C-alpha atoms as a PDB file:
ATOM      1  CA  MET A   1      19.076 106.599 113.871  1.00  0.00           C
ATOM      2  CA  LYS A   2      18.458 106.699 110.122  1.00  0.00           C
ATOM      3  CA  GLU A   3      16.072 103.629 110.406  1.00  0.00           C
ATOM      4  CA  LEU A   4      13.706 105.789 112.538  1.00  0.00           C
ATOM      5  CA  LEU A   5      13.518 108.751 110.169  1.00  0.00           C
ATOM      6  CA  SER A   6      10.859 107.171 107.869  1.00  0.00           C
ATOM      7  CA  ALA A   7       8.708 106.144 110.857  1.00  0.00           C
ATOM      8  CA  TYR A   8       9.208 109.685 112.417  1.00  0.00           C
ATOM      9  CA  SER A   9       7.980 111.372 109.198  1.00  0.00           C
ATOM     10  CA  ASP A  10       4.870 109.125 109.248  1.00  0.00           C
ATOM     11  CA  ASP A  11       4.189 109.689 113.020  1.00  0.00           C
ATOM     12  CA  GLU A  12       4.751 106.035 113.764  1.00  0.00           C
ATOM     13  CA  VAL A  13       7.302 106.464 116.616  1.00  0.00           C
ATOM     14  CA  SER A  14       6.773 106.350 120.341  1.00  0.00           C
ATOM     15  CA  PRO A  15       7.184 109.498 122.382  1.00  0.00           C
ATOM     16  CA  VAL A  16      10.638 108.395 123.608  1.00  0.00           C
ATOM     17  CA  GLU A  17      11.806 107.680 120.028  1.00  0.00           C
ATOM     18  CA  ARG A  18      10.320 111.089 118.802  1.00  0.00           C
ATOM     19  CA  ARG A  19      12.326 112.932 121.461  1.00  0.00           C
ATOM     20  CA  ASP A  20      15.471 110.978 120.491  1.00  0.00           C
ATOM     21  CA  VAL A  21      15.051 111.719 116.764  1.00  0.00           C
ATOM     22  CA  GLU A  22      14.461 115.386 117.373  1.00  0.00           C
ATOM     23  CA  ALA A  23      17.511 115.654 119.560  1.00  0.00           C
ATOM     24  CA  HIS A  24      19.632 113.785 116.993  1.00  0.00           C
ATOM     25  CA  ILE A  25      18.589 115.962 114.020  1.00  0.00           C
ATOM     26  CA  GLN A  26      19.634 119.074 115.986  1.00  0.00           C
ATOM     27  CA  ILE A  27      23.221 117.784 115.902  1.00  0.00           C
ATOM     28  CA  CYS A  28      23.424 115.629 112.752  1.00  0.00           C
ATOM     29  CA  ARG A  29      23.149 117.525 109.412  1.00  0.00           C
ATOM     30  CA  GLU A  30      22.971 114.369 107.260  1.00  0.00           C
ATOM     31  CA  CYS A  31      19.958 112.960 109.194  1.00  0.00           C
ATOM     32  CA  LYS A  32      18.293 116.338 109.192  1.00  0.00           C
ATOM     33  CA  LYS A  33      18.636 116.651 105.438  1.00  0.00           C
ATOM     34  CA  GLU A  34      17.264 113.078 104.884  1.00  0.00           C
ATOM     35  CA  LEU A  35      14.349 113.846 107.201  1.00  0.00           C
ATOM     36  CA  GLU A  36      13.632 117.074 105.208  1.00  0.00           C
ATOM     37  CA  GLU A  37      13.674 115.047 101.933  1.00  0.00           C
ATOM     38  CA  LEU A  38      11.397 112.442 103.440  1.00  0.00           C
ATOM     39  CA  LEU A  39       8.898 115.106 104.501  1.00  0.00           C
ATOM     40  CA  TRP A  40       9.170 116.820 101.090  1.00  0.00           C
ATOM     41  CA  LEU A  41       8.394 113.577  99.395  1.00  0.00           C
ATOM     42  CA  LYS A  42       5.511 112.896 101.674  1.00  0.00           C
ATOM     43  CA  GLN A  43       4.092 116.281 100.937  1.00  0.00           C
ATOM     44  CA  GLU A  44       4.516 115.826  97.204  1.00  0.00           C
ATOM     45  CA  MET A  45       2.704 112.407  97.344  1.00  0.00           C
ATOM     46  CA  GLU A  46      -0.162 114.006  99.184  1.00  0.00           C
ATOM     47  CA  ILE A  47      -0.348 116.761  96.496  1.00  0.00           C
ATOM     48  CA  ALA A  48      -0.106 114.156  93.638  1.00  0.00           C
ATOM     49  CA  TYR A  49      -2.763 111.793  95.116  1.00  0.00           C
ATOM     50  CA  PRO A  50      -5.129 113.944  97.167  1.00  0.00           C
ATOM     51  CA  LEU A  51      -8.039 111.532  96.845  1.00  0.00           C
ATOM     52  CA  SER A  52      -6.416 108.449  98.246  1.00  0.00           C
ATOM     53  CA  MET A  53      -8.725 107.052 100.763  1.00  0.00           C
ATOM     54  CA  GLU A  54      -8.762 103.823 102.798  1.00  0.00           C
ATOM     55  CA  PRO A  55     -11.574 101.485 102.084  1.00  0.00           C
ATOM     56  CA  ASP A  56     -14.357 101.438 104.608  1.00  0.00           C
ATOM     57  CA  PHE A  57     -15.127  98.618 107.018  1.00  0.00           C
ATOM     58  CA  GLN A  58     -18.070  97.366 104.876  1.00  0.00           C
ATOM     59  CA  PHE A  59     -15.854  96.896 101.823  1.00  0.00           C
ATOM     60  CA  GLU A  60     -13.234  94.965 103.815  1.00  0.00           C
ATOM     61  CA  GLN A  61     -15.958  92.848 105.367  1.00  0.00           C
ATOM     62  CA  SER A  62     -17.581  92.025 102.000  1.00  0.00           C
ATOM     63  CA  VAL A  63     -14.227  91.000 100.541  1.00  0.00           C
ATOM     64  CA  MET A  64     -13.533  88.682 103.498  1.00  0.00           C
ATOM     65  CA  ASP A  65     -16.928  87.250 103.310  1.00  0.00           C
ATOM     66  CA  LYS A  66     -16.370  86.349  99.622  1.00  0.00           C
ATOM     67  CA  VAL A  67     -12.970  84.876 100.370  1.00  0.00           C
ATOM     68  CA  ARG A  68     -14.533  82.739 103.154  1.00  0.00           C
ATOM     69  CA  LYS A  69     -17.351  81.542 100.841  1.00  0.00           C
ATOM     70  CA  TYR A  70     -14.855  80.691  98.060  1.00  0.00           C
ATOM     71  CA  ASN A  71     -12.698  78.684 100.478  1.00  0.00           C
ATOM     72  CA  GLN A  72     -15.735  76.765 101.778  1.00  0.00           C
ATOM     73  CA  GLN A  73     -16.924  75.941  98.278  1.00  0.00           C
ATOM     74  CA  LYS A  74     -13.328  74.901  97.277  1.00  0.00           C
ATOM     75  CA  GLN A  75     -13.114  72.479 100.316  1.00  0.00           C
ATOM     76  CA  ALA A  76     -16.519  71.055  99.820  1.00  0.00           C
ATOM     77  CA  ILE A  77     -15.825  69.959  96.098  1.00  0.00           C
ATOM     78  CA  PRO A  78     -13.047  67.484  96.867  1.00  0.00           C
ATOM     79  CA  LYS A  79     -15.046  65.904  99.781  1.00  0.00           C
ATOM     80  CA  ARG A  80     -17.909  65.259  97.360  1.00  0.00           C
ATOM     81  CA  ARG A  81     -15.599  63.879  94.688  1.00  0.00           C
ATOM     82  CA  PHE A  82     -13.972  61.496  97.179  1.00  0.00           C
ATOM     83  CA  ALA A  83     -17.325  60.380  98.452  1.00  0.00           C
ATOM     84  CA  VAL A  84     -18.584  59.671  94.914  1.00  0.00           C
ATOM     85  CA  ALA A  85     -15.301  57.912  94.061  1.00  0.00           C
ATOM     86  CA  GLY A  86     -15.431  55.820  97.170  1.00  0.00           C
ATOM     87  CA  LEU A  87     -19.107  54.794  96.605  1.00  0.00           C
ATOM     88  CA  PHE A  88     -18.265  53.894  92.988  1.00  0.00           C
ATOM     89  CA  ALA A  89     -15.287  51.802  94.142  1.00  0.00           C
ATOM     90  CA  VAL A  90     -17.358  49.928  96.595  1.00  0.00           C
ATOM     91  CA  LEU A  91     -20.045  49.340  94.111  1.00  0.00           C
ATOM     92  CA  LEU A  92     -17.545  48.087  91.484  1.00  0.00           C
ATOM     93  CA  PHE A  93     -15.915  45.736  94.056  1.00  0.00           C
ATOM     94  CA  SER A  94     -19.321  44.433  95.033  1.00  0.00           C
ATOM     95  CA  VAL A  95     -20.277  43.634  91.414  1.00  0.00           C
ATOM     96  CA  LEU A  96     -16.901  42.045  90.754  1.00  0.00           C
ATOM     97  CA  LEU A  97     -17.224  39.970  93.890  1.00  0.00           C
ATOM     98  CA  LEU A  98     -20.678  38.634  92.982  1.00  0.00           C
ATOM     99  CA  GLN A  99     -19.651  37.959  89.421  1.00  0.00           C
ATOM    100  CA  THR A 100     -16.374  36.336  90.176  1.00  0.00           C
ATOM    101  CA  GLY A 101     -17.024  34.909  93.686  1.00  0.00           C
ATOM    102  CA  GLN A 102     -15.154  31.644  93.009  1.00  0.00           C
ATOM    103  CA  VAL A 103     -12.252  33.239  91.193  1.00  0.00           C
ATOM    104  CA  MET A 104     -11.883  35.761  94.082  1.00  0.00           C
ATOM    105  CA  TYR A 105     -11.930  32.892  96.646  1.00  0.00           C
ATOM    106  CA  MET A 106      -9.228  31.096  94.608  1.00  0.00           C
ATOM    107  CA  ALA A 107      -7.140  34.293  94.281  1.00  0.00           C
ATOM    108  CA  MET A 108      -7.318  34.899  97.997  1.00  0.00           C
ATOM    109  CA  LYS A 109      -6.423  31.369  98.726  1.00  0.00           C
ATOM    110  CA  PHE A 110      -3.537  31.580  96.415  1.00  0.00           C
ATOM    111  CA  THR A 111      -2.361  34.843  97.882  1.00  0.00           C
ATOM    112  CA  PHE A 112      -2.517  33.483 101.483  1.00  0.00           C
ATOM    113  CA  ALA A 113      -0.526  30.441 100.376  1.00  0.00           C
ATOM    114  CA  PHE A 114       2.192  32.689  99.054  1.00  0.00           C
ATOM    115  CA  VAL A 115       2.149  34.694 102.243  1.00  0.00           C
ATOM    116  CA  LYS A 116       2.635  31.517 104.251  1.00  0.00           C
ATOM    117  CA  ILE A 117       5.478  30.416 102.096  1.00  0.00           C
ATOM    118  CA  GLY A 118       7.120  33.806 102.460  1.00  0.00           C
ATOM    119  CA  ILE A 119       6.777  33.669 106.280  1.00  0.00           C
ATOM    120  CA  SER A 120       8.275  30.262 106.352  1.00  0.00           C
ATOM    121  CA  LEU A 121      11.142  31.206 104.212  1.00  0.00           C
ATOM    122  CA  ALA A 122      11.849  34.232 106.434  1.00  0.00           C
ATOM    123  CA  HIS A 123      11.749  31.974 109.478  1.00  0.00           C
ATOM    124  CA  ALA A 124      14.124  29.509 107.822  1.00  0.00           C
ATOM    125  CA  PHE A 125      16.476  32.307 106.715  1.00  0.00           C
ATOM    126  CA  GLY A 126      16.489  33.614 110.378  1.00  0.00           C
ATOM    127  CA  SER A 127      17.316  30.129 111.637  1.00  0.00           C
ATOM    128  CA  ILE A 128      20.224  29.764 109.250  1.00  0.00           C
ATOM    129  CA  LEU A 129      21.611  33.166 110.165  1.00  0.00           C
ATOM    130  CA  SER A 130      21.414  32.399 113.806  1.00  0.00           C
ATOM    131  CA  SER A 131      23.296  29.179 113.379  1.00  0.00           C
ATOM    132  CA  VAL A 132      26.208  30.776 111.278  1.00  0.00           C
ATOM    133  CA  PRO A 133      28.777  30.280 113.916  1.00  0.00           C
ATOM    134  CA  TYR A 134      28.143  26.480 113.955  1.00  0.00           C
ATOM    135  CA  VAL A 135      27.998  26.381 110.076  1.00  0.00           C
ATOM    136  CA  VAL A 136      31.438  28.068 110.013  1.00  0.00           C
ATOM    137  CA  GLU A 137      32.872  25.476 112.473  1.00  0.00           C
ATOM    138  CA  VAL A 138      31.735  22.736 110.262  1.00  0.00           C
ATOM    139  CA  MET A 139      32.509  24.446 106.864  1.00  0.00           C
ATOM    140  CA  VAL A 140      36.209  25.283 107.608  1.00  0.00           C
ATOM    141  CA  PRO A 141      37.394  21.703 108.234  1.00  0.00           C
ATOM    142  CA  THR A 142      35.267  20.546 105.293  1.00  0.00           C
ATOM    143  CA  VAL A 143      36.779  23.096 102.944  1.00  0.00           C
ATOM    144  CA  ILE A 144      40.331  22.251 104.085  1.00  0.00           C
ATOM    145  CA  ILE A 145      39.640  18.495 103.438  1.00  0.00           C
ATOM    146  CA  ILE A 146      38.250  19.224 100.033  1.00  0.00           C
ATOM    147  CA  LEU A 147      41.302  21.410  99.198  1.00  0.00           C
ATOM    148  CA  ILE A 148      43.741  18.742 100.308  1.00  0.00           C
ATOM    149  CA  PHE A 149      41.889  16.074  98.347  1.00  0.00           C
ATOM    150  CA  SER A 150      41.746  18.344  95.247  1.00  0.00           C
ATOM    151  CA  GLY A 151      45.360  19.105  95.488  1.00  0.00           C
ATOM    152  CA  TRP A 152      46.304  15.387  95.833  1.00  0.00           C
ATOM    153  CA  SER A 153      44.053  14.451  92.924  1.00  0.00           C
ATOM    154  CA  ILE A 154      45.442  17.122  90.584  1.00  0.00           C
ATOM    155  CA  ARG A 155      48.982  16.040  91.524  1.00  0.00           C
ATOM    156  CA  ARG A 156      48.233  12.440  90.851  1.00  0.00           C
ATOM    157  CA  LEU A 157      46.624  13.331  87.473  1.00  0.00           C
ATOM    158  CA  LEU A 158      49.741  15.368  86.441  1.00  0.00           C
ATOM    159  CA  ILE A 159      52.032  12.583  87.411  1.00  0.00           C
ATOM    160  CA  THR A 160      50.155   9.853  85.438  1.00  0.00           C
ATOM    161  CA  LYS A 161      49.750  12.293  82.501  1.00  0.00           C
ATOM    162  CA  THR A 162      53.506  12.980  82.318  1.00  0.00           C
ATOM    163  CA  ALA A 163      54.576   9.371  82.984  1.00  0.00           C
ATOM    164  CA  GLY A 164      52.250   7.924  80.415  1.00  0.00           C
END
């Protein structure tokens, strides 16, 4: 019920809540004392600040108009900057293309050659990965043969070294 006391003192409760608060403060001394303190504080505030007024509608409207105008100006500036920057980039690219037409052609040709090589390597790598089971079938016997031959050769070298 304590959470409704402040709203009750400001007349911000529904009729049902008002009735509940009034019934409760009849039986609860603590809430009644807190409500009395809130009402006293409200009265003191009204005495201390008697000229507090809410701004009229025209004031609110003028502030909101200024905020809207500021936001529109703020949004318009980046659009102009991007448009100018884009126009400058297109102009610069056009001048570079005219001045270095042959160089640009060669650079593009070189770039496309590297792209083709990259695609070919990716295709080859994919083919190798897809044939891994077959590679393993061939590699295991080959490795075993190489190990046997290496062992035989090392043994033969050791025998001839110790004998000779």
